[in-house]
mmCIF file of all heavy atoms, coordinates in Angstrom:
data_MODEL
# 
_entry.id   MODEL 
# 
loop_
_atom_site.group_PDB 
_atom_site.id 
_atom_site.type_symbol 
_atom_site.label_atom_id 
_atom_site.label_alt_id 
_atom_site.label_comp_id 
_atom_site.label_asym_id 
_atom_site.label_entity_id 
_atom_site.label_seq_id 
_atom_site.pdbx_PDB_ins_code 
_atom_site.Cartn_x 
_atom_site.Cartn_y 
_atom_site.Cartn_z 
_atom_site.occupancy 
_atom_site.B_iso_or_equiv 
_atom_site.pdbx_formal_charge 
_atom_site.auth_seq_id 
_atom_site.auth_comp_id 
_atom_site.auth_asym_id 
_atom_site.auth_atom_id 
_atom_site.pdbx_PDB_model_num 
ATOM 1   N N   . ALA A 1 1  ? -11.188 17.400 10.869  1.00 0.00 ? 1  ALA A N   1 
ATOM 2   C CA  . ALA A 1 1  ? -10.540 16.943 9.642   1.00 0.00 ? 1  ALA A CA  1 
ATOM 3   C C   . ALA A 1 1  ? -9.254  17.719 9.447   1.00 0.00 ? 1  ALA A C   1 
ATOM 4   O O   . ALA A 1 1  ? -9.119  18.859 9.909   1.00 0.00 ? 1  ALA A O   1 
ATOM 5   C CB  . ALA A 1 1  ? -11.451 17.141 8.431   1.00 0.00 ? 1  ALA A CB  1 
ATOM 6   N N   . MET A 1 2  ? -8.318  17.090 8.749   1.00 0.00 ? 2  MET A N   1 
ATOM 7   C CA  . MET A 1 2  ? -7.084  17.765 8.350   1.00 0.00 ? 2  MET A CA  1 
ATOM 8   C C   . MET A 1 2  ? -6.831  17.471 6.890   1.00 0.00 ? 2  MET A C   1 
ATOM 9   O O   . MET A 1 2  ? -7.298  16.455 6.353   1.00 0.00 ? 2  MET A O   1 
ATOM 10  C CB  . MET A 1 2  ? -5.908  17.297 9.208   1.00 0.00 ? 2  MET A CB  1 
ATOM 11  C CG  . MET A 1 2  ? -6.021  17.720 10.653  1.00 0.00 ? 2  MET A CG  1 
ATOM 12  S SD  . MET A 1 2  ? -4.568  17.307 11.634  1.00 0.00 ? 2  MET A SD  1 
ATOM 13  C CE  . MET A 1 2  ? -3.337  18.428 10.923  1.00 0.00 ? 2  MET A CE  1 
ATOM 14  N N   . GLY A 1 3  ? -6.111  18.358 6.262   1.00 0.00 ? 3  GLY A N   1 
ATOM 15  C CA  . GLY A 1 3  ? -5.875  18.160 4.843   1.00 0.00 ? 3  GLY A CA  1 
ATOM 16  C C   . GLY A 1 3  ? -4.678  18.930 4.345   1.00 0.00 ? 3  GLY A C   1 
ATOM 17  O O   . GLY A 1 3  ? -4.026  19.657 5.103   1.00 0.00 ? 3  GLY A O   1 
ATOM 18  N N   . TRP A 1 4  ? -4.414  18.717 3.089   1.00 0.00 ? 4  TRP A N   1 
ATOM 19  C CA  . TRP A 1 4  ? -3.352  19.417 2.379   1.00 0.00 ? 4  TRP A CA  1 
ATOM 20  C C   . TRP A 1 4  ? -3.970  20.171 1.201   1.00 0.00 ? 4  TRP A C   1 
ATOM 21  O O   . TRP A 1 4  ? -4.756  19.601 0.436   1.00 0.00 ? 4  TRP A O   1 
ATOM 22  C CB  . TRP A 1 4  ? -2.302  18.434 1.874   1.00 0.00 ? 4  TRP A CB  1 
ATOM 23  C CG  . TRP A 1 4  ? -1.488  17.824 2.963   1.00 0.00 ? 4  TRP A CG  1 
ATOM 24  C CD1 . TRP A 1 4  ? -1.724  16.647 3.603   1.00 0.00 ? 4  TRP A CD1 1 
ATOM 25  C CD2 . TRP A 1 4  ? -0.306  18.367 3.547   1.00 0.00 ? 4  TRP A CD2 1 
ATOM 26  N NE1 . TRP A 1 4  ? -0.762  16.422 4.555   1.00 0.00 ? 4  TRP A NE1 1 
ATOM 27  C CE2 . TRP A 1 4  ? 0.129   17.455 4.538   1.00 0.00 ? 4  TRP A CE2 1 
ATOM 28  C CE3 . TRP A 1 4  ? 0.451   19.519 3.333   1.00 0.00 ? 4  TRP A CE3 1 
ATOM 29  C CZ2 . TRP A 1 4  ? 1.272   17.673 5.317   1.00 0.00 ? 4  TRP A CZ2 1 
ATOM 30  C CZ3 . TRP A 1 4  ? 1.586   19.736 4.099   1.00 0.00 ? 4  TRP A CZ3 1 
ATOM 31  C CH2 . TRP A 1 4  ? 1.983   18.826 5.071   1.00 0.00 ? 4  TRP A CH2 1 
ATOM 32  N N   . HIS A 1 5  ? -3.593  21.421 1.097   1.00 0.00 ? 5  HIS A N   1 
ATOM 33  C CA  . HIS A 1 5  ? -3.964  22.236 -0.042  1.00 0.00 ? 5  HIS A CA  1 
ATOM 34  C C   . HIS A 1 5  ? -2.676  22.680 -0.723  1.00 0.00 ? 5  HIS A C   1 
ATOM 35  O O   . HIS A 1 5  ? -1.596  22.614 -0.128  1.00 0.00 ? 5  HIS A O   1 
ATOM 36  C CB  . HIS A 1 5  ? -4.742  23.475 0.401   1.00 0.00 ? 5  HIS A CB  1 
ATOM 37  C CG  . HIS A 1 5  ? -6.109  23.179 0.950   1.00 0.00 ? 5  HIS A CG  1 
ATOM 38  N ND1 . HIS A 1 5  ? -6.319  22.459 2.102   1.00 0.00 ? 5  HIS A ND1 1 
ATOM 39  C CD2 . HIS A 1 5  ? -7.345  23.503 0.501   1.00 0.00 ? 5  HIS A CD2 1 
ATOM 40  C CE1 . HIS A 1 5  ? -7.603  22.362 2.346   1.00 0.00 ? 5  HIS A CE1 1 
ATOM 41  N NE2 . HIS A 1 5  ? -8.257  22.987 1.391   1.00 0.00 ? 5  HIS A NE2 1 
ATOM 42  N N   . ARG A 1 6  ? -2.795  23.145 -1.945  1.00 0.00 ? 6  ARG A N   1 
ATOM 43  C CA  . ARG A 1 6  ? -1.610  23.675 -2.620  1.00 0.00 ? 6  ARG A CA  1 
ATOM 44  C C   . ARG A 1 6  ? -1.983  24.900 -3.440  1.00 0.00 ? 6  ARG A C   1 
ATOM 45  O O   . ARG A 1 6  ? -3.129  25.051 -3.866  1.00 0.00 ? 6  ARG A O   1 
ATOM 46  C CB  . ARG A 1 6  ? -0.958  22.615 -3.501  1.00 0.00 ? 6  ARG A CB  1 
ATOM 47  C CG  . ARG A 1 6  ? -1.789  22.192 -4.710  1.00 0.00 ? 6  ARG A CG  1 
ATOM 48  C CD  . ARG A 1 6  ? -1.117  21.026 -5.427  1.00 0.00 ? 6  ARG A CD  1 
ATOM 49  N NE  . ARG A 1 6  ? -1.879  20.582 -6.592  1.00 0.00 ? 6  ARG A NE  1 
ATOM 50  C CZ  . ARG A 1 6  ? -1.577  19.495 -7.296  1.00 0.00 ? 6  ARG A CZ  1 
ATOM 51  N NH1 . ARG A 1 6  ? -0.526  18.738 -6.962  1.00 0.00 ? 6  ARG A NH1 1 
ATOM 52  N NH2 . ARG A 1 6  ? -2.310  19.165 -8.346  1.00 0.00 ? 6  ARG A NH2 1 
ATOM 53  N N   . GLN A 1 7  ? -0.985  25.730 -3.646  1.00 0.00 ? 7  GLN A N   1 
ATOM 54  C CA  . GLN A 1 7  ? -1.189  26.927 -4.440  1.00 0.00 ? 7  GLN A CA  1 
ATOM 55  C C   . GLN A 1 7  ? 0.022   27.146 -5.335  1.00 0.00 ? 7  GLN A C   1 
ATOM 56  O O   . GLN A 1 7  ? 1.138   27.342 -4.841  1.00 0.00 ? 7  GLN A O   1 
ATOM 57  C CB  . GLN A 1 7  ? -1.421  28.154 -3.558  1.00 0.00 ? 7  GLN A CB  1 
ATOM 58  C CG  . GLN A 1 7  ? -1.817  29.390 -4.333  1.00 0.00 ? 7  GLN A CG  1 
ATOM 59  C CD  . GLN A 1 7  ? -2.371  30.482 -3.450  1.00 0.00 ? 7  GLN A CD  1 
ATOM 60  O OE1 . GLN A 1 7  ? -2.171  30.499 -2.239  1.00 0.00 ? 7  GLN A OE1 1 
ATOM 61  N NE2 . GLN A 1 7  ? -3.107  31.418 -4.053  1.00 0.00 ? 7  GLN A NE2 1 
ATOM 62  N N   . ALA A 1 8  ? -0.225  27.097 -6.630  1.00 0.00 ? 8  ALA A N   1 
ATOM 63  C CA  . ALA A 1 8  ? 0.815   27.363 -7.612  1.00 0.00 ? 8  ALA A CA  1 
ATOM 64  C C   . ALA A 1 8  ? 0.776   28.844 -7.983  1.00 0.00 ? 8  ALA A C   1 
ATOM 65  O O   . ALA A 1 8  ? -0.254  29.506 -7.815  1.00 0.00 ? 8  ALA A O   1 
ATOM 66  C CB  . ALA A 1 8  ? 0.599   26.499 -8.844  1.00 0.00 ? 8  ALA A CB  1 
ATOM 67  N N   . PRO A 1 9  ? 1.882   29.387 -8.493  1.00 0.00 ? 9  PRO A N   1 
ATOM 68  C CA  . PRO A 1 9  ? 1.910   30.806 -8.858  1.00 0.00 ? 9  PRO A CA  1 
ATOM 69  C C   . PRO A 1 9  ? 0.800   31.151 -9.841  1.00 0.00 ? 9  PRO A C   1 
ATOM 70  O O   . PRO A 1 9  ? 0.600   30.461 -10.842 1.00 0.00 ? 9  PRO A O   1 
ATOM 71  C CB  . PRO A 1 9  ? 3.288   30.964 -9.505  1.00 0.00 ? 9  PRO A CB  1 
ATOM 72  C CG  . PRO A 1 9  ? 4.116   29.905 -8.884  1.00 0.00 ? 9  PRO A CG  1 
ATOM 73  C CD  . PRO A 1 9  ? 3.188   28.739 -8.676  1.00 0.00 ? 9  PRO A CD  1 
ATOM 74  N N   . GLY A 1 10 ? 0.054   32.204 -9.518  1.00 0.00 ? 10 GLY A N   1 
ATOM 75  C CA  . GLY A 1 10 ? -1.003  32.666 -10.393 1.00 0.00 ? 10 GLY A CA  1 
ATOM 76  C C   . GLY A 1 10 ? -2.269  31.851 -10.350 1.00 0.00 ? 10 GLY A C   1 
ATOM 77  O O   . GLY A 1 10 ? -3.202  32.100 -11.129 1.00 0.00 ? 10 GLY A O   1 
ATOM 78  N N   . LYS A 1 11 ? -2.333  30.869 -9.452  1.00 0.00 ? 11 LYS A N   1 
ATOM 79  C CA  . LYS A 1 11 ? -3.513  30.012 -9.371  1.00 0.00 ? 11 LYS A CA  1 
ATOM 80  C C   . LYS A 1 11 ? -4.123  30.080 -7.987  1.00 0.00 ? 11 LYS A C   1 
ATOM 81  O O   . LYS A 1 11 ? -3.482  30.490 -7.017  1.00 0.00 ? 11 LYS A O   1 
ATOM 82  C CB  . LYS A 1 11 ? -3.150  28.565 -9.716  1.00 0.00 ? 11 LYS A CB  1 
ATOM 83  C CG  . LYS A 1 11 ? -2.708  28.368 -11.149 1.00 0.00 ? 11 LYS A CG  1 
ATOM 84  C CD  . LYS A 1 11 ? -2.551  26.895 -11.469 1.00 0.00 ? 11 LYS A CD  1 
ATOM 85  C CE  . LYS A 1 11 ? -2.193  26.688 -12.939 1.00 0.00 ? 11 LYS A CE  1 
ATOM 86  N NZ  . LYS A 1 11 ? -2.059  25.237 -13.260 1.00 0.00 ? 11 LYS A NZ  1 
ATOM 87  N N   . GLN A 1 12 ? -5.385  29.654 -7.892  1.00 0.00 ? 12 GLN A N   1 
ATOM 88  C CA  . GLN A 1 12 ? -6.055  29.625 -6.604  1.00 0.00 ? 12 GLN A CA  1 
ATOM 89  C C   . GLN A 1 12 ? -5.585  28.423 -5.790  1.00 0.00 ? 12 GLN A C   1 
ATOM 90  O O   . GLN A 1 12 ? -5.160  27.403 -6.338  1.00 0.00 ? 12 GLN A O   1 
ATOM 91  C CB  . GLN A 1 12 ? -7.570  29.551 -6.815  1.00 0.00 ? 12 GLN A CB  1 
ATOM 92  C CG  . GLN A 1 12 ? -8.178  30.836 -7.356  1.00 0.00 ? 12 GLN A CG  1 
ATOM 93  C CD  . GLN A 1 12 ? -9.703  30.795 -7.343  1.00 0.00 ? 12 GLN A CD  1 
ATOM 94  O OE1 . GLN A 1 12 ? -10.284 29.722 -7.479  1.00 0.00 ? 12 GLN A OE1 1 
ATOM 95  N NE2 . GLN A 1 12 ? -10.335 31.943 -7.183  1.00 0.00 ? 12 GLN A NE2 1 
ATOM 96  N N   . ARG A 1 13 ? -5.691  28.574 -4.498  1.00 0.00 ? 13 ARG A N   1 
ATOM 97  C CA  . ARG A 1 13 ? -5.380  27.447 -3.615  1.00 0.00 ? 13 ARG A CA  1 
ATOM 98  C C   . ARG A 1 13 ? -6.422  26.359 -3.834  1.00 0.00 ? 13 ARG A C   1 
ATOM 99  O O   . ARG A 1 13 ? -7.622  26.639 -3.926  1.00 0.00 ? 13 ARG A O   1 
ATOM 100 C CB  . ARG A 1 13 ? -5.369  27.897 -2.157  1.00 0.00 ? 13 ARG A CB  1 
ATOM 101 C CG  . ARG A 1 13 ? -4.824  26.881 -1.195  1.00 0.00 ? 13 ARG A CG  1 
ATOM 102 C CD  . ARG A 1 13 ? -4.691  27.449 0.209   1.00 0.00 ? 13 ARG A CD  1 
ATOM 103 N NE  . ARG A 1 13 ? -3.739  28.556 0.261   1.00 0.00 ? 13 ARG A NE  1 
ATOM 104 C CZ  . ARG A 1 13 ? -3.309  29.099 1.399   1.00 0.00 ? 13 ARG A CZ  1 
ATOM 105 N NH1 . ARG A 1 13 ? -3.739  28.635 2.556   1.00 0.00 ? 13 ARG A NH1 1 
ATOM 106 N NH2 . ARG A 1 13 ? -2.461  30.114 1.364   1.00 0.00 ? 13 ARG A NH2 1 
ATOM 107 N N   . GLU A 1 14 ? -5.973  25.112 -3.904  1.00 0.00 ? 14 GLU A N   1 
ATOM 108 C CA  . GLU A 1 14 ? -6.880  23.997 -4.146  1.00 0.00 ? 14 GLU A CA  1 
ATOM 109 C C   . GLU A 1 14 ? -6.634  22.869 -3.158  1.00 0.00 ? 14 GLU A C   1 
ATOM 110 O O   . GLU A 1 14 ? -5.510  22.663 -2.677  1.00 0.00 ? 14 GLU A O   1 
ATOM 111 C CB  . GLU A 1 14 ? -6.693  23.459 -5.578  1.00 0.00 ? 14 GLU A CB  1 
ATOM 112 C CG  . GLU A 1 14 ? -5.326  22.902 -5.863  1.00 0.00 ? 14 GLU A CG  1 
ATOM 113 C CD  . GLU A 1 14 ? -5.208  22.263 -7.245  1.00 0.00 ? 14 GLU A CD  1 
ATOM 114 O OE1 . GLU A 1 14 ? -6.208  22.192 -7.981  1.00 0.00 ? 14 GLU A OE1 1 
ATOM 115 O OE2 . GLU A 1 14 ? -4.087  21.827 -7.581  1.00 0.00 ? 14 GLU A OE2 1 
ATOM 116 N N   . LEU A 1 15 ? -7.700  22.142 -2.873  1.00 0.00 ? 15 LEU A N   1 
ATOM 117 C CA  . LEU A 1 15 ? -7.596  20.978 -1.998  1.00 0.00 ? 15 LEU A CA  1 
ATOM 118 C C   . LEU A 1 15 ? -6.873  19.859 -2.737  1.00 0.00 ? 15 LEU A C   1 
ATOM 119 O O   . LEU A 1 15 ? -7.199  19.547 -3.883  1.00 0.00 ? 15 LEU A O   1 
ATOM 120 C CB  . LEU A 1 15 ? -8.980  20.509 -1.573  1.00 0.00 ? 15 LEU A CB  1 
ATOM 121 C CG  . LEU A 1 15 ? -9.027  19.208 -0.775  1.00 0.00 ? 15 LEU A CG  1 
ATOM 122 C CD1 . LEU A 1 15 ? -8.397  19.390 0.596   1.00 0.00 ? 15 LEU A CD1 1 
ATOM 123 C CD2 . LEU A 1 15 ? -10.464 18.714 -0.646  1.00 0.00 ? 15 LEU A CD2 1 
ATOM 124 N N   . VAL A 1 16 ? -5.921  19.244 -2.063  1.00 0.00 ? 16 VAL A N   1 
ATOM 125 C CA  . VAL A 1 16 ? -5.209  18.098 -2.612  1.00 0.00 ? 16 VAL A CA  1 
ATOM 126 C C   . VAL A 1 16 ? -5.751  16.806 -2.003  1.00 0.00 ? 16 VAL A C   1 
ATOM 127 O O   . VAL A 1 16 ? -6.099  15.863 -2.715  1.00 0.00 ? 16 VAL A O   1 
ATOM 128 C CB  . VAL A 1 16 ? -3.697  18.212 -2.341  1.00 0.00 ? 16 VAL A CB  1 
ATOM 129 C CG1 . VAL A 1 16 ? -2.968  16.962 -2.816  1.00 0.00 ? 16 VAL A CG1 1 
ATOM 130 C CG2 . VAL A 1 16 ? -3.128  19.463 -2.994  1.00 0.00 ? 16 VAL A CG2 1 
ATOM 131 N N   . ALA A 1 17 ? -5.811  16.765 -0.679  1.00 0.00 ? 17 ALA A N   1 
ATOM 132 C CA  . ALA A 1 17 ? -6.281  15.564 0.010   1.00 0.00 ? 17 ALA A CA  1 
ATOM 133 C C   . ALA A 1 17 ? -6.715  15.945 1.411   1.00 0.00 ? 17 ALA A C   1 
ATOM 134 O O   . ALA A 1 17 ? -6.200  16.907 1.983   1.00 0.00 ? 17 ALA A O   1 
ATOM 135 C CB  . ALA A 1 17 ? -5.197  14.500 0.072   1.00 0.00 ? 17 ALA A CB  1 
ATOM 136 N N   . ALA A 1 18 ? -7.647  15.181 1.955   1.00 0.00 ? 18 ALA A N   1 
ATOM 137 C CA  . ALA A 1 18 ? -8.125  15.432 3.309   1.00 0.00 ? 18 ALA A CA  1 
ATOM 138 C C   . ALA A 1 18 ? -8.427  14.115 3.991   1.00 0.00 ? 18 ALA A C   1 
ATOM 139 O O   . ALA A 1 18 ? -8.727  13.103 3.336   1.00 0.00 ? 18 ALA A O   1 
ATOM 140 C CB  . ALA A 1 18 ? -9.367  16.328 3.284   1.00 0.00 ? 18 ALA A CB  1 
ATOM 141 N N   . ILE A 1 19 ? -8.359  14.149 5.327   1.00 0.00 ? 19 ILE A N   1 
ATOM 142 C CA  . ILE A 1 19 ? -8.671  12.966 6.127   1.00 0.00 ? 19 ILE A CA  1 
ATOM 143 C C   . ILE A 1 19 ? -9.453  13.423 7.347   1.00 0.00 ? 19 ILE A C   1 
ATOM 144 O O   . ILE A 1 19 ? -9.088  14.410 7.997   1.00 0.00 ? 19 ILE A O   1 
ATOM 145 C CB  . ILE A 1 19 ? -7.382  12.208 6.510   1.00 0.00 ? 19 ILE A CB  1 
ATOM 146 C CG1 . ILE A 1 19 ? -7.714  10.911 7.224   1.00 0.00 ? 19 ILE A CG1 1 
ATOM 147 C CG2 . ILE A 1 19 ? -6.439  13.075 7.354   1.00 0.00 ? 19 ILE A CG2 1 
ATOM 148 C CD1 . ILE A 1 19 ? -6.513  9.952  7.323   1.00 0.00 ? 19 ILE A CD1 1 
ATOM 149 N N   . THR A 1 20 ? -10.533 12.712 7.643   1.00 0.00 ? 20 THR A N   1 
ATOM 150 C CA  . THR A 1 20 ? -11.355 13.089 8.785   1.00 0.00 ? 20 THR A CA  1 
ATOM 151 C C   . THR A 1 20 ? -10.835 12.430 10.057  1.00 0.00 ? 20 THR A C   1 
ATOM 152 O O   . THR A 1 20 ? -9.977  11.544 10.014  1.00 0.00 ? 20 THR A O   1 
ATOM 153 C CB  . THR A 1 20 ? -12.810 12.668 8.576   1.00 0.00 ? 20 THR A CB  1 
ATOM 154 O OG1 . THR A 1 20 ? -12.889 11.238 8.614   1.00 0.00 ? 20 THR A OG1 1 
ATOM 155 C CG2 . THR A 1 20 ? -13.353 13.174 7.245   1.00 0.00 ? 20 THR A CG2 1 
ATOM 156 N N   . SER A 1 21 ? -11.397 12.838 11.179  1.00 0.00 ? 21 SER A N   1 
ATOM 157 C CA  . SER A 1 21 ? -10.989 12.246 12.448  1.00 0.00 ? 21 SER A CA  1 
ATOM 158 C C   . SER A 1 21 ? -11.325 10.758 12.474  1.00 0.00 ? 21 SER A C   1 
ATOM 159 O O   . SER A 1 21 ? -10.662 9.985  13.181  1.00 0.00 ? 21 SER A O   1 
ATOM 160 C CB  . SER A 1 21 ? -11.672 12.969 13.605  1.00 0.00 ? 21 SER A CB  1 
ATOM 161 O OG  . SER A 1 21 ? -13.082 12.954 13.437  1.00 0.00 ? 21 SER A OG  1 
ATOM 162 N N   . GLY A 1 22 ? -12.308 10.356 11.680  1.00 0.00 ? 22 GLY A N   1 
ATOM 163 C CA  . GLY A 1 22 ? -12.673 8.943  11.608  1.00 0.00 ? 22 GLY A CA  1 
ATOM 164 C C   . GLY A 1 22 ? -11.860 8.158  10.601  1.00 0.00 ? 22 GLY A C   1 
ATOM 165 O O   . GLY A 1 22 ? -12.008 6.927  10.499  1.00 0.00 ? 22 GLY A O   1 
ATOM 166 N N   . GLY A 1 23 ? -11.004 8.842  9.841   1.00 0.00 ? 23 GLY A N   1 
ATOM 167 C CA  . GLY A 1 23 ? -10.129 8.150  8.904   1.00 0.00 ? 23 GLY A CA  1 
ATOM 168 C C   . GLY A 1 23 ? -10.597 8.151  7.458   1.00 0.00 ? 23 GLY A C   1 
ATOM 169 O O   . GLY A 1 23 ? -9.905  7.615  6.589   1.00 0.00 ? 23 GLY A O   1 
ATOM 170 N N   . SER A 1 24 ? -11.737 8.752  7.171   1.00 0.00 ? 24 SER A N   1 
ATOM 171 C CA  . SER A 1 24 ? -12.187 8.841  5.783   1.00 0.00 ? 24 SER A CA  1 
ATOM 172 C C   . SER A 1 24 ? -11.306 9.822  5.013   1.00 0.00 ? 24 SER A C   1 
ATOM 173 O O   . SER A 1 24 ? -10.893 10.842 5.560   1.00 0.00 ? 24 SER A O   1 
ATOM 174 C CB  . SER A 1 24 ? -13.642 9.308  5.719   1.00 0.00 ? 24 SER A CB  1 
ATOM 175 O OG  . SER A 1 24 ? -14.483 8.386  6.359   1.00 0.00 ? 24 SER A OG  1 
ATOM 176 N N   . THR A 1 25 ? -11.050 9.477  3.760   1.00 0.00 ? 25 THR A N   1 
ATOM 177 C CA  . THR A 1 25 ? -10.165 10.308 2.944   1.00 0.00 ? 25 THR A CA  1 
ATOM 178 C C   . THR A 1 25 ? -10.840 10.735 1.646   1.00 0.00 ? 25 THR A C   1 
ATOM 179 O O   . THR A 1 25 ? -11.766 10.069 1.173   1.00 0.00 ? 25 THR A O   1 
ATOM 180 C CB  . THR A 1 25 ? -8.864  9.565  2.604   1.00 0.00 ? 25 THR A CB  1 
ATOM 181 O OG1 . THR A 1 25 ? -9.186  8.375  1.873   1.00 0.00 ? 25 THR A OG1 1 
ATOM 182 C CG2 . THR A 1 25 ? -8.089  9.196  3.851   1.00 0.00 ? 25 THR A CG2 1 
# 
């Protein structure tokens, strides 16, 4: 799987979106 996470100043890193090798999101 691959995905995008984000981290804003003073906040924890969070998952934004992910996609599996099979294409599920």
